[in-house]
Amino acid sequence: MRLVTSLSLFGAFSNLVYSFYVVIVGFLKTDVAPGWISLSLQQSGMFFLISLVLLVLAEYILNMVYLQNEGPLYHVGQEFTSSRITRREKLNIEEVALKPVPTPSAYPKRAA
């Protein structure tokens, strides 16, 4: 990510240098192709902004990764020995009271 940051910074800087070059050529030369100055300035300005956006995004990602890595190096997945947890709690089992299933003898008899 530092390489991306460096390349974005280099791209932004080189587009600024190119913009100054275009302005200097526009002032010193008289036989410049029509539209070259405005098109070159527009393209260098847009690439400058894109490079700055990539720079900000790369730095943001680096900052988020840095903040995420500040936490503990481990997470407790399951605790095997503890003076507070019993074996039943460790098994993650709940007792459910079942309703008794009625048998045919429990039904009232019909009069024929």
PDB file of N, CA and C in Angstrom:
ATOM      1  N   MET A   1       0.831  -1.200   0.000  1.00  0.00           N
ATOM      2  CA  MET A   1       0.000   0.000   0.000  1.00  0.00           C
ATOM      3  C   MET A   1       0.871   1.258   0.000  1.00  0.00           C
ATOM      4  N   ARG A   2       2.021   1.137   0.614  1.00  0.00           N
ATOM      5  CA  ARG A   2       2.925   2.298   0.570  1.00  0.00           C
ATOM      6  C   ARG A   2       3.396   2.567  -0.855  1.00  0.00           C
ATOM      7  N   LEU A   3       3.522   1.520  -1.655  1.00  0.00           N
ATOM      8  CA  LEU A   3       3.890   1.703  -3.057  1.00  0.00           C
ATOM      9  C   LEU A   3       2.781   2.452  -3.804  1.00  0.00           C
ATOM     10  N   VAL A   4       1.537   2.100  -3.537  1.00  0.00           N
ATOM     11  CA  VAL A   4       0.404   2.796  -4.165  1.00  0.00           C
ATOM     12  C   VAL A   4       0.392   4.259  -3.737  1.00  0.00           C
ATOM     13  N   THR A   5       0.648   4.506  -2.462  1.00  0.00           N
ATOM     14  CA  THR A   5       0.691   5.885  -1.968  1.00  0.00           C
ATOM     15  C   THR A   5       1.806   6.663  -2.648  1.00  0.00           C
ATOM     16  N   SER A   6       2.965   6.036  -2.772  1.00  0.00           N
ATOM     17  CA  SER A   6       4.099   6.711  -3.412  1.00  0.00           C
ATOM     18  C   SER A   6       3.819   6.988  -4.887  1.00  0.00           C
ATOM     19  N   LEU A   7       3.242   6.022  -5.578  1.00  0.00           N
ATOM     20  CA  LEU A   7       2.926   6.226  -6.994  1.00  0.00           C
ATOM     21  C   LEU A   7       1.859   7.300  -7.190  1.00  0.00           C
ATOM     22  N   SER A   8       0.892   7.355  -6.288  1.00  0.00           N
ATOM     23  CA  SER A   8      -0.142   8.383  -6.392  1.00  0.00           C
ATOM     24  C   SER A   8       0.445   9.768  -6.151  1.00  0.00           C
ATOM     25  N   LEU A   9       1.331   9.864  -5.185  1.00  0.00           N
ATOM     26  CA  LEU A   9       1.988  11.142  -4.912  1.00  0.00           C
ATOM     27  C   LEU A   9       2.865  11.560  -6.083  1.00  0.00           C
ATOM     28  N   PHE A  10       3.586  10.596  -6.659  1.00  0.00           N
ATOM     29  CA  PHE A  10       4.411  10.887  -7.835  1.00  0.00           C
ATOM     30  C   PHE A  10       3.546  11.326  -9.016  1.00  0.00           C
ATOM     31  N   GLY A  11       2.398  10.648  -9.218  1.00  0.00           N
ATOM     32  CA  GLY A  11       1.503  11.021 -10.318  1.00  0.00           C
ATOM     33  C   GLY A  11       0.936  12.423 -10.149  1.00  0.00           C
ATOM     34  N   ALA A  12       0.552  12.772  -8.924  1.00  0.00           N
ATOM     35  CA  ALA A  12       0.017  14.115  -8.679  1.00  0.00           C
ATOM     36  C   ALA A  12       1.097  15.171  -8.918  1.00  0.00           C
ATOM     37  N   PHE A  13       2.306  14.899  -8.426  1.00  0.00           N
ATOM     38  CA  PHE A  13       3.393  15.855  -8.605  1.00  0.00           C
ATOM     39  C   PHE A  13       3.769  16.008 -10.081  1.00  0.00           C
ATOM     40  N   SER A  14       3.850  14.893 -10.811  1.00  0.00           N
ATOM     41  CA  SER A  14       4.224  14.977 -12.226  1.00  0.00           C
ATOM     42  C   SER A  14       3.149  15.689 -13.046  1.00  0.00           C
ATOM     43  N   ASN A  15       1.874  15.566 -12.678  1.00  0.00           N
ATOM     44  CA  ASN A  15       0.827  16.302 -13.388  1.00  0.00           C
ATOM     45  C   ASN A  15       0.915  17.795 -13.111  1.00  0.00           C
ATOM     46  N   LEU A  16       1.308  18.162 -11.916  1.00  0.00           N
ATOM     47  CA  LEU A  16       1.532  19.595 -11.638  1.00  0.00           C
ATOM     48  C   LEU A  16       2.692  20.136 -12.466  1.00  0.00           C
ATOM     49  N   VAL A  17       3.775  19.374 -12.545  1.00  0.00           N
ATOM     50  CA  VAL A  17       4.932  19.795 -13.344  1.00  0.00           C
ATOM     51  C   VAL A  17       4.528  19.918 -14.810  1.00  0.00           C
ATOM     52  N   TYR A  18       3.744  18.960 -15.306  1.00  0.00           N
ATOM     53  CA  TYR A  18       3.300  19.011 -16.693  1.00  0.00           C
ATOM     54  C   TYR A  18       2.399  20.230 -16.933  1.00  0.00           C
ATOM     55  N   SER A  19       1.578  20.578 -15.973  1.00  0.00           N
ATOM     56  CA  SER A  19       0.722  21.767 -16.118  1.00  0.00           C
ATOM     57  C   SER A  19       1.572  23.027 -16.230  1.00  0.00           C
ATOM     58  N   PHE A  20       2.606  23.138 -15.413  1.00  0.00           N
ATOM     59  CA  PHE A  20       3.499  24.300 -15.507  1.00  0.00           C
ATOM     60  C   PHE A  20       4.224  24.315 -16.855  1.00  0.00           C
ATOM     61  N   TYR A  21       4.615  23.130 -17.339  1.00  0.00           N
ATOM     62  CA  TYR A  21       5.260  23.033 -18.648  1.00  0.00           C
ATOM     63  C   TYR A  21       4.323  23.531 -19.751  1.00  0.00           C
ATOM     64  N   VAL A  22       3.055  23.138 -19.692  1.00  0.00           N
ATOM     65  CA  VAL A  22       2.088  23.551 -20.717  1.00  0.00           C
ATOM     66  C   VAL A  22       1.904  25.068 -20.680  1.00  0.00           C
ATOM     67  N   VAL A  23       1.801  25.632 -19.499  1.00  0.00           N
ATOM     68  CA  VAL A  23       1.631  27.087 -19.386  1.00  0.00           C
ATOM     69  C   VAL A  23       2.865  27.814 -19.929  1.00  0.00           C
ATOM     70  N   ILE A  24       4.061  27.312 -19.607  1.00  0.00           N
ATOM     71  CA  ILE A  24       5.289  27.950 -20.104  1.00  0.00           C
ATOM     72  C   ILE A  24       5.368  27.849 -21.622  1.00  0.00           C
ATOM     73  N   VAL A  25       5.022  26.676 -22.178  1.00  0.00           N
ATOM     74  CA  VAL A  25       5.026  26.518 -23.637  1.00  0.00           C
ATOM     75  C   VAL A  25       4.002  27.463 -24.257  1.00  0.00           C
ATOM     76  N   GLY A  26       2.855  27.629 -23.624  1.00  0.00           N
ATOM     77  CA  GLY A  26       1.829  28.529 -24.149  1.00  0.00           C
ATOM     78  C   GLY A  26       2.291  29.984 -24.202  1.00  0.00           C
ATOM     79  N   PHE A  27       3.102  30.387 -23.233  1.00  0.00           N
ATOM     80  CA  PHE A  27       3.592  31.768 -23.220  1.00  0.00           C
ATOM     81  C   PHE A  27       4.791  31.977 -24.145  1.00  0.00           C
ATOM     82  N   LEU A  28       5.651  30.992 -24.276  1.00  0.00           N
ATOM     83  CA  LEU A  28       6.896  31.187 -25.029  1.00  0.00           C
ATOM     84  C   LEU A  28       6.784  30.839 -26.505  1.00  0.00           C
ATOM     85  N   LYS A  29       5.957  29.928 -26.895  1.00  0.00           N
ATOM     86  CA  LYS A  29       5.862  29.510 -28.304  1.00  0.00           C
ATOM     87  C   LYS A  29       4.663  30.173 -28.970  1.00  0.00           C
ATOM     88  N   THR A  30       4.820  30.443 -30.225  1.00  0.00           N
ATOM     89  CA  THR A  30       3.722  31.064 -30.974  1.00  0.00           C
ATOM     90  C   THR A  30       3.032  30.079 -31.909  1.00  0.00           C
ATOM     91  N   ASP A  31       3.714  29.006 -32.281  1.00  0.00           N
ATOM     92  CA  ASP A  31       3.143  28.061 -33.247  1.00  0.00           C
ATOM     93  C   ASP A  31       2.645  26.782 -32.553  1.00  0.00           C
ATOM     94  N   VAL A  32       1.842  26.948 -31.519  1.00  0.00           N
ATOM     95  CA  VAL A  32       1.266  25.813 -30.794  1.00  0.00           C
ATOM     96  C   VAL A  32      -0.028  25.404 -31.494  1.00  0.00           C
ATOM     97  N   ALA A  33      -0.274  24.110 -31.577  1.00  0.00           N
ATOM     98  CA  ALA A  33      -1.495  23.614 -32.227  1.00  0.00           C
ATOM     99  C   ALA A  33      -2.713  24.132 -31.474  1.00  0.00           C
ATOM    100  N   PRO A  34      -3.754  24.516 -32.196  1.00  0.00           N
ATOM    101  CA  PRO A  34      -4.947  25.043 -31.531  1.00  0.00           C
ATOM    102  C   PRO A  34      -5.608  23.980 -30.643  1.00  0.00           C
ATOM    103  N   GLY A  35      -5.917  24.355 -29.429  1.00  0.00           N
ATOM    104  CA  GLY A  35      -6.595  23.476 -28.494  1.00  0.00           C
ATOM    105  C   GLY A  35      -5.662  22.609 -27.661  1.00  0.00           C
ATOM    106  N   TRP A  36      -4.352  22.601 -27.992  1.00  0.00           N
ATOM    107  CA  TRP A  36      -3.423  21.747 -27.258  1.00  0.00           C
ATOM    108  C   TRP A  36      -3.278  22.207 -25.809  1.00  0.00           C
ATOM    109  N   ILE A  37      -3.213  23.492 -25.613  1.00  0.00           N
ATOM    110  CA  ILE A  37      -3.008  24.022 -24.256  1.00  0.00           C
ATOM    111  C   ILE A  37      -4.210  23.702 -23.365  1.00  0.00           C
ATOM    112  N   SER A  38      -5.397  23.999 -23.847  1.00  0.00           N
ATOM    113  CA  SER A  38      -6.579  23.776 -23.015  1.00  0.00           C
ATOM    114  C   SER A  38      -6.811  22.281 -22.759  1.00  0.00           C
ATOM    115  N   LEU A  39      -6.599  21.453 -23.783  1.00  0.00           N
ATOM    116  CA  LEU A  39      -6.777  20.019 -23.609  1.00  0.00           C
ATOM    117  C   LEU A  39      -5.726  19.430 -22.663  1.00  0.00           C
ATOM    118  N   SER A  40      -4.489  19.862 -22.784  1.00  0.00           N
ATOM    119  CA  SER A  40      -3.427  19.360 -21.906  1.00  0.00           C
ATOM    120  C   SER A  40      -3.654  19.792 -20.468  1.00  0.00           C
ATOM    121  N   LEU A  41      -4.080  21.039 -20.263  1.00  0.00           N
ATOM    122  CA  LEU A  41      -4.350  21.504 -18.904  1.00  0.00           C
ATOM    123  C   LEU A  41      -5.535  20.757 -18.286  1.00  0.00           C
ATOM    124  N   GLN A  42      -6.550  20.504 -19.101  1.00  0.00           N
ATOM    125  CA  GLN A  42      -7.716  19.789 -18.590  1.00  0.00           C
ATOM    126  C   GLN A  42      -7.342  18.361 -18.194  1.00  0.00           C
ATOM    127  N   GLN A  43      -6.605  17.673 -19.049  1.00  0.00           N
ATOM    128  CA  GLN A  43      -6.215  16.295 -18.745  1.00  0.00           C
ATOM    129  C   GLN A  43      -5.273  16.225 -17.548  1.00  0.00           C
ATOM    130  N   SER A  44      -4.322  17.119 -17.473  1.00  0.00           N
ATOM    131  CA  SER A  44      -3.400  17.076 -16.341  1.00  0.00           C
ATOM    132  C   SER A  44      -4.118  17.426 -15.045  1.00  0.00           C
ATOM    133  N   GLY A  45      -5.096  18.314 -15.108  1.00  0.00           N
ATOM    134  CA  GLY A  45      -5.880  18.641 -13.906  1.00  0.00           C
ATOM    135  C   GLY A  45      -6.713  17.455 -13.438  1.00  0.00           C
ATOM    136  N   MET A  46      -7.332  16.754 -14.372  1.00  0.00           N
ATOM    137  CA  MET A  46      -8.139  15.596 -13.993  1.00  0.00           C
ATOM    138  C   MET A  46      -7.268  14.462 -13.451  1.00  0.00           C
ATOM    139  N   PHE A  47      -6.143  14.200 -14.077  1.00  0.00           N
ATOM    140  CA  PHE A  47      -5.255  13.152 -13.565  1.00  0.00           C
ATOM    141  C   PHE A  47      -4.653  13.544 -12.213  1.00  0.00           C
ATOM    142  N   PHE A  48      -4.439  14.830 -12.005  1.00  0.00           N
ATOM    143  CA  PHE A  48      -3.978  15.299 -10.705  1.00  0.00           C
ATOM    144  C   PHE A  48      -5.017  14.986  -9.628  1.00  0.00           C
ATOM    145  N   LEU A  49      -6.297  15.268  -9.918  1.00  0.00           N
ATOM    146  CA  LEU A  49      -7.356  14.990  -8.951  1.00  0.00           C
ATOM    147  C   LEU A  49      -7.528  13.485  -8.713  1.00  0.00           C
ATOM    148  N   ILE A  50      -7.441  12.687  -9.769  1.00  0.00           N
ATOM    149  CA  ILE A  50      -7.541  11.231  -9.609  1.00  0.00           C
ATOM    150  C   ILE A  50      -6.393  10.711  -8.755  1.00  0.00           C
ATOM    151  N   SER A  51      -5.194  11.225  -8.975  1.00  0.00           N
ATOM    152  CA  SER A  51      -4.046  10.805  -8.171  1.00  0.00           C
ATOM    153  C   SER A  51      -4.237  11.183  -6.710  1.00  0.00           C
ATOM    154  N   LEU A  52      -4.806  12.357  -6.456  1.00  0.00           N
ATOM    155  CA  LEU A  52      -5.053  12.756  -5.064  1.00  0.00           C
ATOM    156  C   LEU A  52      -6.106  11.871  -4.407  1.00  0.00           C
ATOM    157  N   VAL A  53      -7.139  11.500  -5.156  1.00  0.00           N
ATOM    158  CA  VAL A  53      -8.166  10.610  -4.606  1.00  0.00           C
ATOM    159  C   VAL A  53      -7.564   9.243  -4.273  1.00  0.00           C
ATOM    160  N   LEU A  54      -6.741   8.708  -5.161  1.00  0.00           N
ATOM    161  CA  LEU A  54      -6.081   7.429  -4.884  1.00  0.00           C
ATOM    162  C   LEU A  54      -5.156   7.531  -3.680  1.00  0.00           C
ATOM    163  N   LEU A  55      -4.491   8.665  -3.540  1.00  0.00           N
ATOM    164  CA  LEU A  55      -3.611   8.881  -2.395  1.00  0.00           C
ATOM    165  C   LEU A  55      -4.407   8.867  -1.093  1.00  0.00           C
ATOM    166  N   VAL A  56      -5.531   9.571  -1.071  1.00  0.00           N
ATOM    167  CA  VAL A  56      -6.359   9.634   0.133  1.00  0.00           C
ATOM    168  C   VAL A  56      -6.945   8.260   0.457  1.00  0.00           C
ATOM    169  N   LEU A  57      -7.421   7.532  -0.548  1.00  0.00           N
ATOM    170  CA  LEU A  57      -7.973   6.194  -0.313  1.00  0.00           C
ATOM    171  C   LEU A  57      -6.913   5.218   0.211  1.00  0.00           C
ATOM    172  N   ALA A  58      -5.720   5.280  -0.351  1.00  0.00           N
ATOM    173  CA  ALA A  58      -4.658   4.385   0.103  1.00  0.00           C
ATOM    174  C   ALA A  58      -4.271   4.695   1.550  1.00  0.00           C
ATOM    175  N   GLU A  59      -4.181   5.971   1.888  1.00  0.00           N
ATOM    176  CA  GLU A  59      -3.853   6.332   3.270  1.00  0.00           C
ATOM    177  C   GLU A  59      -4.971   5.935   4.229  1.00  0.00           C
ATOM    178  N   TYR A  60      -6.211   6.057   3.784  1.00  0.00           N
ATOM    179  CA  TYR A  60      -7.348   5.654   4.627  1.00  0.00           C
ATOM    180  C   TYR A  60      -7.314   4.149   4.885  1.00  0.00           C
ATOM    181  N   ILE A  61      -7.054   3.359   3.855  1.00  0.00           N
ATOM    182  CA  ILE A  61      -6.979   1.909   4.021  1.00  0.00           C
ATOM    183  C   ILE A  61      -5.839   1.544   4.962  1.00  0.00           C
ATOM    184  N   LEU A  62      -4.692   2.190   4.798  1.00  0.00           N
ATOM    185  CA  LEU A  62      -3.567   1.925   5.698  1.00  0.00           C
ATOM    186  C   LEU A  62      -3.917   2.269   7.139  1.00  0.00           C
ATOM    187  N   ASN A  63      -4.624   3.364   7.331  1.00  0.00           N
ATOM    188  CA  ASN A  63      -5.028   3.769   8.683  1.00  0.00           C
ATOM    189  C   ASN A  63      -6.004   2.763   9.284  1.00  0.00           C
ATOM    190  N   MET A  64      -6.973   2.271   8.488  1.00  0.00           N
ATOM    191  CA  MET A  64      -7.933   1.293   8.992  1.00  0.00           C
ATOM    192  C   MET A  64      -7.242  -0.027   9.352  1.00  0.00           C
ATOM    193  N   VAL A  65      -6.291  -0.458   8.547  1.00  0.00           N
ATOM    194  CA  VAL A  65      -5.558  -1.686   8.847  1.00  0.00           C
ATOM    195  C   VAL A  65      -4.740  -1.513  10.120  1.00  0.00           C
ATOM    196  N   TYR A  66      -4.138  -0.352  10.277  1.00  0.00           N
ATOM    197  CA  TYR A  66      -3.358  -0.084  11.486  1.00  0.00           C
ATOM    198  C   TYR A  66      -4.248  -0.105  12.725  1.00  0.00           C
ATOM    199  N   LEU A  67      -5.423   0.514  12.639  1.00  0.00           N
ATOM    200  CA  LEU A  67      -6.331   0.542  13.786  1.00  0.00           C
ATOM    201  C   LEU A  67      -6.884  -0.846  14.092  1.00  0.00           C
ATOM    202  N   GLN A  68      -7.108  -1.645  13.075  1.00  0.00           N
ATOM    203  CA  GLN A  68      -7.637  -2.989  13.281  1.00  0.00           C
ATOM    204  C   GLN A  68      -6.597  -3.884  13.951  1.00  0.00           C
ATOM    205  N   ASN A  69      -5.347  -3.670  13.670  1.00  0.00           N
ATOM    206  CA  ASN A  69      -4.289  -4.502  14.227  1.00  0.00           C
ATOM    207  C   ASN A  69      -3.889  -4.090  15.638  1.00  0.00           C
ATOM    208  N   GLU A  70      -4.483  -3.041  16.186  1.00  0.00           N
ATOM    209  CA  GLU A  70      -4.154  -2.614  17.539  1.00  0.00           C
ATOM    210  C   GLU A  70      -4.820  -3.483  18.592  1.00  0.00           C
ATOM    211  N   GLY A  71      -5.796  -4.276  18.225  1.00  0.00           N
ATOM    212  CA  GLY A  71      -6.524  -5.108  19.174  1.00  0.00           C
ATOM    213  C   GLY A  71      -5.662  -6.265  19.652  1.00  0.00           C
ATOM    214  N   PRO A  72      -6.255  -7.177  20.413  1.00  0.00           N
ATOM    215  CA  PRO A  72      -5.482  -8.323  20.897  1.00  0.00           C
ATOM    216  C   PRO A  72      -5.068  -9.231  19.738  1.00  0.00           C
ATOM    217  N   LEU A  73      -3.985  -9.937  19.946  1.00  0.00           N
ATOM    218  CA  LEU A  73      -3.480 -10.827  18.906  1.00  0.00           C
ATOM    219  C   LEU A  73      -4.228 -12.149  18.867  1.00  0.00           C
ATOM    220  N   TYR A  74      -5.141 -12.369  19.808  1.00  0.00           N
ATOM    221  CA  TYR A  74      -5.879 -13.620  19.862  1.00  0.00           C
ATOM    222  C   TYR A  74      -7.307 -13.339  20.312  1.00  0.00           C
ATOM    223  N   HIS A  75      -8.189 -14.277  20.037  1.00  0.00           N
ATOM    224  CA  HIS A  75      -9.570 -14.229  20.488  1.00  0.00           C
ATOM    225  C   HIS A  75      -9.892 -15.592  21.092  1.00  0.00           C
ATOM    226  N   VAL A  76     -10.603 -15.577  22.196  1.00  0.00           N
ATOM    227  CA  VAL A  76     -10.957 -16.824  22.861  1.00  0.00           C
ATOM    228  C   VAL A  76     -12.125 -17.449  22.110  1.00  0.00           C
ATOM    229  N   GLY A  77     -11.879 -18.603  21.491  1.00  0.00           N
ATOM    230  CA  GLY A  77     -12.926 -19.297  20.758  1.00  0.00           C
ATOM    231  C   GLY A  77     -13.743 -20.182  21.669  1.00  0.00           C
ATOM    232  N   GLN A  78     -13.075 -20.919  22.565  1.00  0.00           N
ATOM    233  CA  GLN A  78     -13.760 -21.799  23.502  1.00  0.00           C
ATOM    234  C   GLN A  78     -12.855 -21.930  24.718  1.00  0.00           C
ATOM    235  N   GLU A  79     -13.449 -21.842  25.868  1.00  0.00           N
ATOM    236  CA  GLU A  79     -12.682 -21.926  27.098  1.00  0.00           C
ATOM    237  C   GLU A  79     -12.806 -23.348  27.643  1.00  0.00           C
ATOM    238  N   PHE A  80     -11.692 -24.026  27.834  1.00  0.00           N
ATOM    239  CA  PHE A  80     -11.714 -25.413  28.276  1.00  0.00           C
ATOM    240  C   PHE A  80     -11.620 -25.552  29.793  1.00  0.00           C
ATOM    241  N   THR A  81     -10.879 -24.700  30.424  1.00  0.00           N
ATOM    242  CA  THR A  81     -10.729 -24.802  31.884  1.00  0.00           C
ATOM    243  C   THR A  81     -11.072 -23.461  32.506  1.00  0.00           C
ATOM    244  N   SER A  82     -11.980 -23.503  33.456  1.00  0.00           N
ATOM    245  CA  SER A  82     -12.358 -22.296  34.163  1.00  0.00           C
ATOM    246  C   SER A  82     -12.961 -22.698  35.493  1.00  0.00           C
ATOM    247  N   SER A  83     -12.727 -21.885  36.500  1.00  0.00           N
ATOM    248  CA  SER A  83     -13.312 -22.175  37.808  1.00  0.00           C
ATOM    249  C   SER A  83     -14.763 -21.715  37.880  1.00  0.00           C
ATOM    250  N   ARG A  84     -15.207 -20.946  36.903  1.00  0.00           N
ATOM    251  CA  ARG A  84     -16.565 -20.411  36.926  1.00  0.00           C
ATOM    252  C   ARG A  84     -17.520 -21.151  36.016  1.00  0.00           C
ATOM    253  N   ILE A  85     -17.034 -21.826  35.002  1.00  0.00           N
ATOM    254  CA  ILE A  85     -17.901 -22.497  34.038  1.00  0.00           C
ATOM    255  C   ILE A  85     -17.988 -23.975  34.386  1.00  0.00           C
ATOM    256  N   THR A  86     -19.194 -24.466  34.502  1.00  0.00           N
ATOM    257  CA  THR A  86     -19.395 -25.883  34.770  1.00  0.00           C
ATOM    258  C   THR A  86     -19.418 -26.653  33.452  1.00  0.00           C
ATOM    259  N   ARG A  87     -19.402 -27.966  33.572  1.00  0.00           N
ATOM    260  CA  ARG A  87     -19.424 -28.790  32.365  1.00  0.00           C
ATOM    261  C   ARG A  87     -20.721 -28.609  31.591  1.00  0.00           C
ATOM    262  N   ARG A  88     -21.832 -28.459  32.303  1.00  0.00           N
ATOM    263  CA  ARG A  88     -23.127 -28.290  31.649  1.00  0.00           C
ATOM    264  C   ARG A  88     -23.163 -26.981  30.858  1.00  0.00           C
ATOM    265  N   GLU A  89     -22.616 -25.915  31.393  1.00  0.00           N
ATOM    266  CA  GLU A  89     -22.593 -24.640  30.663  1.00  0.00           C
ATOM    267  C   GLU A  89     -21.693 -24.726  29.440  1.00  0.00           C
ATOM    268  N   LYS A  90     -20.634 -25.512  29.554  1.00  0.00           N
ATOM    269  CA  LYS A  90     -19.703 -25.650  28.446  1.00  0.00           C
ATOM    270  C   LYS A  90     -20.329 -26.397  27.280  1.00  0.00           C
ATOM    271  N   LEU A  91     -21.268 -27.302  27.553  1.00  0.00           N
ATOM    272  CA  LEU A  91     -21.888 -28.094  26.496  1.00  0.00           C
ATOM    273  C   LEU A  91     -22.938 -27.323  25.710  1.00  0.00           C
ATOM    274  N   ASN A  92     -23.369 -26.198  26.233  1.00  0.00           N
ATOM    275  CA  ASN A  92     -24.355 -25.363  25.546  1.00  0.00           C
ATOM    276  C   ASN A  92     -25.655 -26.137  25.318  1.00  0.00           C
ATOM    277  N   ILE A  93     -26.151 -26.765  26.394  1.00  0.00           N
ATOM    278  CA  ILE A  93     -27.377 -27.560  26.328  1.00  0.00           C
ATOM    279  C   ILE A  93     -28.406 -26.931  27.256  1.00  0.00           C
ATOM    280  N   GLU A  94     -29.619 -26.856  26.784  1.00  0.00           N
ATOM    281  CA  GLU A  94     -30.712 -26.352  27.602  1.00  0.00           C
ATOM    282  C   GLU A  94     -31.662 -27.491  27.920  1.00  0.00           C
ATOM    283  N   GLU A  95     -32.204 -27.474  29.114  1.00  0.00           N
ATOM    284  CA  GLU A  95     -33.206 -28.475  29.470  1.00  0.00           C
ATOM    285  C   GLU A  95     -34.564 -27.968  29.029  1.00  0.00           C
ATOM    286  N   VAL A  96     -35.282 -28.800  28.320  1.00  0.00           N
ATOM    287  CA  VAL A  96     -36.613 -28.443  27.838  1.00  0.00           C
ATOM    288  C   VAL A  96     -37.594 -29.445  28.430  1.00  0.00           C
ATOM    289  N   ALA A  97     -38.618 -28.933  29.075  1.00  0.00           N
ATOM    290  CA  ALA A  97     -39.643 -29.814  29.651  1.00  0.00           C
ATOM    291  C   ALA A  97     -40.603 -30.212  28.542  1.00  0.00           C
ATOM    292  N   LEU A  98     -40.721 -31.498  28.311  1.00  0.00           N
ATOM    293  CA  LEU A  98     -41.606 -31.991  27.258  1.00  0.00           C
ATOM    294  C   LEU A  98     -43.001 -32.208  27.815  1.00  0.00           C
ATOM    295  N   LYS A  99     -44.006 -31.930  26.998  1.00  0.00           N
ATOM    296  CA  LYS A  99     -45.390 -32.209  27.379  1.00  0.00           C
ATOM    297  C   LYS A  99     -45.631 -33.705  27.212  1.00  0.00           C
ATOM    298  N   PRO A 100     -46.350 -34.305  28.132  1.00  0.00           N
ATOM    299  CA  PRO A 100     -46.617 -35.740  27.965  1.00  0.00           C
ATOM    300  C   PRO A 100     -47.529 -35.976  26.766  1.00  0.00           C
ATOM    301  N   VAL A 101     -47.250 -37.027  26.038  1.00  0.00           N
ATOM    302  CA  VAL A 101     -48.047 -37.386  24.871  1.00  0.00           C
ATOM    303  C   VAL A 101     -49.242 -38.194  25.364  1.00  0.00           C
ATOM    304  N   PRO A 102     -50.467 -37.778  24.991  1.00  0.00           N
ATOM    305  CA  PRO A 102     -51.637 -38.523  25.459  1.00  0.00           C
ATOM    306  C   PRO A 102     -51.705 -39.906  24.817  1.00  0.00           C
ATOM    307  N   THR A 103     -52.056 -40.872  25.611  1.00  0.00           N
ATOM    308  CA  THR A 103     -52.215 -42.247  25.123  1.00  0.00           C
ATOM    309  C   THR A 103     -53.688 -42.498  24.824  1.00  0.00           C
ATOM    310  N   PRO A 104     -54.015 -43.526  24.034  1.00  0.00           N
ATOM    311  CA  PRO A 104     -55.427 -43.802  23.710  1.00  0.00           C
ATOM    312  C   PRO A 104     -56.263 -44.083  24.950  1.00  0.00           C
ATOM    313  N   SER A 105     -55.685 -44.588  26.007  1.00  0.00           N
ATOM    314  CA  SER A 105     -56.467 -44.867  27.208  1.00  0.00           C
ATOM    315  C   SER A 105     -56.840 -43.592  27.952  1.00  0.00           C
ATOM    316  N   ALA A 106     -56.177 -42.493  27.624  1.00  0.00           N
ATOM    317  CA  ALA A 106     -56.476 -41.231  28.310  1.00  0.00           C
ATOM    318  C   ALA A 106     -57.675 -40.528  27.703  1.00  0.00           C
ATOM    319  N   TYR A 107     -58.113 -40.929  26.515  1.00  0.00           N
ATOM    320  CA  TYR A 107     -59.267 -40.297  25.891  1.00  0.00           C
ATOM    321  C   TYR A 107     -60.563 -40.816  26.530  1.00  0.00           C
ATOM    322  N   PRO A 108     -61.578 -39.970  26.651  1.00  0.00           N
ATOM    323  CA  PRO A 108     -62.873 -40.461  27.171  1.00  0.00           C
ATOM    324  C   PRO A 108     -63.526 -41.397  26.170  1.00  0.00           C
ATOM    325  N   LYS A 109     -64.217 -42.366  26.666  1.00  0.00           N
ATOM    326  CA  LYS A 109     -64.856 -43.344  25.797  1.00  0.00           C
ATOM    327  C   LYS A 109     -66.191 -42.782  25.306  1.00  0.00           C
ATOM    328  N   ARG A 110     -66.515 -43.091  24.080  1.00  0.00           N
ATOM    329  CA  ARG A 110     -67.761 -42.626  23.475  1.00  0.00           C
ATOM    330  C   ARG A 110     -68.873 -43.613  23.750  1.00  0.00           C
ATOM    331  N   ALA A 111     -70.024 -43.071  23.869  1.00  0.00           N
ATOM    332  CA  ALA A 111     -71.188 -43.957  24.010  1.00  0.00           C
ATOM    333  C   ALA A 111     -71.628 -44.414  22.636  1.00  0.00           C
ATOM    334  N   ALA A 112     -71.861 -45.688  22.510  1.00  0.00           N
ATOM    335  CA  ALA A 112     -72.229 -46.222  21.206  1.00  0.00           C
ATOM    336  C   ALA A 112     -73.687 -46.141  20.942  1.00  0.00           C
TER     337      ALA A 112
END
